[in-house]
Amino acid sequence: MATDLKNRYSDKDLAEFKVLISEKIEVAKTHLELLKSSYMNDGNNGTDDTSPTFKAFEEGSETMSKEANTQLAIRQEKFIRDLKNALLRIENKTYGVCRVTGKLINKERLKLVPHATLSIEAKNMQK
C-alpha cells in the first residue's frame, strides 16, 4: 500500500486541485456562454443604409467572425470536458499521475495545465 500512496498526490493536494479546477470550469463556462451568444446574434449593426460595398465587406467579416467564434466555442467545450475528466481522476485518486510513465506530474505543471495527463518527460517523448 505504501507504494500506492507514493504514486499519487495526497488528499489535501487533490482537494486543492479540485478547487482550482472547479473555478476554471466556472470561468470556462462563462466564456463559452459569451461565445455562444456572440455567434447567435444577428450582427445587424445598423448598416442597412450604408454603401453596398461596405455591407458586403461586413457580411464577409461577420461570417468569418461567426466561424472563428464557433471554433473557439468548440475548443472551450473540449477544455471544459477535459477539466471535468480531471475532476473524475481526482475522485478516483489517479489525478496527477502521468498516463505514460506512471510518475507524478510536476505540481507547477498541473497548476498551469490542470487537465494535463502527461508529464513533461512523456510529452517530450512524443516529439
C-alpha atoms as a PDB file:
ATOM      1  CA  MET A   1       0.000   0.000   0.000  1.00  0.00           C
ATOM      2  CA  ALA A   2       2.927   2.357   0.671  1.00  0.00           C
ATOM      3  CA  THR A   3       3.957   2.260  -2.990  1.00  0.00           C
ATOM      4  CA  ASP A   4       0.392   3.096  -3.994  1.00  0.00           C
ATOM      5  CA  LEU A   5       0.452   6.256  -1.858  1.00  0.00           C
ATOM      6  CA  LYS A   6       3.867   7.181  -3.246  1.00  0.00           C
ATOM      7  CA  ASN A   7       2.496   7.339  -6.778  1.00  0.00           C
ATOM      8  CA  ARG A   8      -0.327   9.732  -6.074  1.00  0.00           C
ATOM      9  CA  TYR A   9      -0.974  13.150  -4.620  1.00  0.00           C
ATOM     10  CA  SER A  10      -2.215  13.448  -1.048  1.00  0.00           C
ATOM     11  CA  ASP A  11      -5.903  14.011  -0.350  1.00  0.00           C
ATOM     12  CA  LYS A  12      -5.004  17.560   0.717  1.00  0.00           C
ATOM     13  CA  ASP A  13      -3.283  18.222  -2.633  1.00  0.00           C
ATOM     14  CA  LEU A  14      -6.186  16.663  -4.509  1.00  0.00           C
ATOM     15  CA  ALA A  15      -8.641  18.899  -2.632  1.00  0.00           C
ATOM     16  CA  GLU A  16      -6.608  21.972  -3.632  1.00  0.00           C
ATOM     17  CA  PHE A  17      -6.568  20.882  -7.272  1.00  0.00           C
ATOM     18  CA  LYS A  18     -10.318  20.227  -7.115  1.00  0.00           C
ATOM     19  CA  VAL A  19     -10.938  23.837  -6.045  1.00  0.00           C
ATOM     20  CA  LEU A  20      -8.612  25.153  -8.773  1.00  0.00           C
ATOM     21  CA  ILE A  21     -10.264  23.031 -11.465  1.00  0.00           C
ATOM     22  CA  SER A  22     -13.803  23.853 -10.308  1.00  0.00           C
ATOM     23  CA  GLU A  23     -13.008  27.566 -10.530  1.00  0.00           C
ATOM     24  CA  LYS A  24     -11.544  27.103 -14.016  1.00  0.00           C
ATOM     25  CA  ILE A  25     -14.695  25.248 -15.117  1.00  0.00           C
ATOM     26  CA  GLU A  26     -16.904  28.139 -13.949  1.00  0.00           C
ATOM     27  CA  VAL A  27     -14.774  30.702 -15.810  1.00  0.00           C
ATOM     28  CA  ALA A  28     -14.702  28.494 -18.928  1.00  0.00           C
ATOM     29  CA  LYS A  29     -18.494  28.093 -18.843  1.00  0.00           C
ATOM     30  CA  THR A  30     -18.899  31.877 -18.662  1.00  0.00           C
ATOM     31  CA  HIS A  31     -16.578  32.315 -21.664  1.00  0.00           C
ATOM     32  CA  LEU A  32     -18.472  29.630 -23.559  1.00  0.00           C
ATOM     33  CA  GLU A  33     -21.795  31.399 -22.946  1.00  0.00           C
ATOM     34  CA  LEU A  34     -20.302  34.679 -24.206  1.00  0.00           C
ATOM     35  CA  LEU A  35     -19.017  32.964 -27.342  1.00  0.00           C
ATOM     36  CA  LYS A  36     -22.347  31.271 -27.988  1.00  0.00           C
ATOM     37  CA  SER A  37     -24.311  34.481 -27.517  1.00  0.00           C
ATOM     38  CA  SER A  38     -21.963  36.394 -29.817  1.00  0.00           C
ATOM     39  CA  TYR A  39     -22.341  33.972 -32.711  1.00  0.00           C
ATOM     40  CA  MET A  40     -26.089  33.615 -32.209  1.00  0.00           C
ATOM     41  CA  ASN A  41     -26.692  37.382 -32.525  1.00  0.00           C
ATOM     42  CA  ASP A  42     -27.761  38.513 -35.960  1.00  0.00           C
ATOM     43  CA  GLY A  43     -24.964  41.080 -36.042  1.00  0.00           C
ATOM     44  CA  ASN A  44     -27.023  43.846 -37.658  1.00  0.00           C
ATOM     45  CA  ASN A  45     -25.150  46.946 -36.591  1.00  0.00           C
ATOM     46  CA  GLY A  46     -27.420  49.442 -38.286  1.00  0.00           C
ATOM     47  CA  THR A  47     -25.503  49.433 -41.579  1.00  0.00           C
ATOM     48  CA  ASP A  48     -28.558  48.866 -43.781  1.00  0.00           C
ATOM     49  CA  ASP A  49     -28.345  52.399 -45.156  1.00  0.00           C
ATOM     50  CA  THR A  50     -24.609  52.409 -45.914  1.00  0.00           C
ATOM     51  CA  SER A  51     -22.972  51.675 -49.234  1.00  0.00           C
ATOM     52  CA  PRO A  52     -23.401  48.185 -50.747  1.00  0.00           C
ATOM     53  CA  THR A  53     -19.612  47.700 -50.823  1.00  0.00           C
ATOM     54  CA  PHE A  54     -19.298  48.183 -47.088  1.00  0.00           C
ATOM     55  CA  LYS A  55     -22.331  45.943 -46.495  1.00  0.00           C
ATOM     56  CA  ALA A  56     -20.744  43.095 -48.499  1.00  0.00           C
ATOM     57  CA  PHE A  57     -17.469  43.527 -46.653  1.00  0.00           C
ATOM     58  CA  GLU A  58     -19.258  43.491 -43.307  1.00  0.00           C
ATOM     59  CA  GLU A  59     -21.218  40.343 -44.154  1.00  0.00           C
ATOM     60  CA  GLY A  60     -17.994  38.565 -45.122  1.00  0.00           C
ATOM     61  CA  SER A  61     -16.368  39.733 -41.929  1.00  0.00           C
ATOM     62  CA  GLU A  62     -19.405  38.672 -39.935  1.00  0.00           C
ATOM     63  CA  THR A  63     -19.278  35.171 -41.462  1.00  0.00           C
ATOM     64  CA  MET A  64     -15.579  34.863 -40.619  1.00  0.00           C
ATOM     65  CA  SER A  65     -16.269  36.099 -37.112  1.00  0.00           C
ATOM     66  CA  LYS A  66     -19.067  33.556 -36.614  1.00  0.00           C
ATOM     67  CA  GLU A  67     -16.803  30.757 -37.852  1.00  0.00           C
ATOM     68  CA  ALA A  68     -13.993  31.895 -35.548  1.00  0.00           C
ATOM     69  CA  ASN A  69     -16.383  32.097 -32.589  1.00  0.00           C
ATOM     70  CA  THR A  70     -17.770  28.665 -33.410  1.00  0.00           C
ATOM     71  CA  GLN A  71     -14.230  27.227 -33.428  1.00  0.00           C
ATOM     72  CA  LEU A  72     -13.448  28.971 -30.138  1.00  0.00           C
ATOM     73  CA  ALA A  73     -16.676  27.592 -28.642  1.00  0.00           C
ATOM     74  CA  ILE A  74     -15.771  24.052 -29.751  1.00  0.00           C
ATOM     75  CA  ARG A  75     -12.325  24.408 -28.159  1.00  0.00           C
ATOM     76  CA  GLN A  76     -13.886  25.814 -24.993  1.00  0.00           C
ATOM     77  CA  GLU A  77     -16.307  22.867 -24.784  1.00  0.00           C
ATOM     78  CA  LYS A  78     -13.369  20.453 -25.116  1.00  0.00           C
ATOM     79  CA  PHE A  79     -11.480  22.370 -22.390  1.00  0.00           C
ATOM     80  CA  ILE A  80     -14.482  22.071 -20.054  1.00  0.00           C
ATOM     81  CA  ARG A  81     -14.764  18.345 -20.837  1.00  0.00           C
ATOM     82  CA  ASP A  82     -11.036  17.869 -20.121  1.00  0.00           C
ATOM     83  CA  LEU A  83     -11.388  19.722 -16.816  1.00  0.00           C
ATOM     84  CA  LYS A  84     -14.405  17.602 -15.829  1.00  0.00           C
ATOM     85  CA  ASN A  85     -12.386  14.477 -16.642  1.00  0.00           C
ATOM     86  CA  ALA A  86      -9.648  15.807 -14.352  1.00  0.00           C
ATOM     87  CA  LEU A  87     -12.251  16.060 -11.558  1.00  0.00           C
ATOM     88  CA  LEU A  88     -13.108  12.389 -12.159  1.00  0.00           C
ATOM     89  CA  ARG A  89      -9.420  11.500 -11.840  1.00  0.00           C
ATOM     90  CA  ILE A  90      -9.348  13.412  -8.548  1.00  0.00           C
ATOM     91  CA  GLU A  91     -12.320  11.375  -7.312  1.00  0.00           C
ATOM     92  CA  ASN A  92     -10.621   8.066  -8.141  1.00  0.00           C
ATOM     93  CA  LYS A  93      -7.257   9.395  -6.864  1.00  0.00           C
ATOM     94  CA  THR A  94      -5.412   8.972 -10.159  1.00  0.00           C
ATOM     95  CA  TYR A  95      -5.134  12.717 -10.791  1.00  0.00           C
ATOM     96  CA  GLY A  96      -1.653  13.991 -11.489  1.00  0.00           C
ATOM     97  CA  VAL A  97      -0.240  10.614 -12.488  1.00  0.00           C
ATOM     98  CA  CYS A  98       1.337  10.544 -15.957  1.00  0.00           C
ATOM     99  CA  ARG A  99      -0.523   8.061 -18.147  1.00  0.00           C
ATOM    100  CA  VAL A 100       2.731   7.089 -19.914  1.00  0.00           C
ATOM    101  CA  THR A 101       5.410   6.991 -17.225  1.00  0.00           C
ATOM    102  CA  GLY A 102       3.198   6.391 -14.170  1.00  0.00           C
ATOM    103  CA  LYS A 103       5.144   9.097 -12.337  1.00  0.00           C
ATOM    104  CA  LEU A 104       3.632  12.144 -10.674  1.00  0.00           C
ATOM    105  CA  ILE A 105       3.228  15.148 -12.941  1.00  0.00           C
ATOM    106  CA  ASN A 106       5.003  18.204 -11.543  1.00  0.00           C
ATOM    107  CA  LYS A 107       2.709  20.287  -9.329  1.00  0.00           C
ATOM    108  CA  GLU A 108       3.622  23.524 -11.108  1.00  0.00           C
ATOM    109  CA  ARG A 109       2.672  21.990 -14.456  1.00  0.00           C
ATOM    110  CA  LEU A 110      -0.680  20.920 -13.035  1.00  0.00           C
ATOM    111  CA  LYS A 111      -1.326  24.415 -11.716  1.00  0.00           C
ATOM    112  CA  LEU A 112      -0.757  25.811 -15.211  1.00  0.00           C
ATOM    113  CA  VAL A 113      -2.418  22.949 -17.116  1.00  0.00           C
ATOM    114  CA  PRO A 114      -4.737  21.304 -14.567  1.00  0.00           C
ATOM    115  CA  HIS A 115      -6.132  18.838 -17.103  1.00  0.00           C
ATOM    116  CA  ALA A 116      -2.677  17.507 -18.063  1.00  0.00           C
ATOM    117  CA  THR A 117      -2.373  13.728 -18.246  1.00  0.00           C
ATOM    118  CA  LEU A 118       1.269  13.654 -19.369  1.00  0.00           C
ATOM    119  CA  SER A 119       4.421  14.685 -17.570  1.00  0.00           C
ATOM    120  CA  ILE A 120       6.855  16.948 -19.415  1.00  0.00           C
ATOM    121  CA  GLU A 121       9.090  13.869 -19.820  1.00  0.00           C
ATOM    122  CA  ALA A 122       6.305  11.920 -21.574  1.00  0.00           C
ATOM    123  CA  LYS A 123       5.278  14.957 -23.626  1.00  0.00           C
ATOM    124  CA  ASN A 124       8.861  15.350 -24.872  1.00  0.00           C
ATOM    125  CA  MET A 125       8.949  11.649 -25.846  1.00  0.00           C
ATOM    126  CA  GLN A 126       6.037  12.314 -28.248  1.00  0.00           C
ATOM    127  CA  LYS A 127       8.059  14.796 -30.301  1.00  0.00           C
END
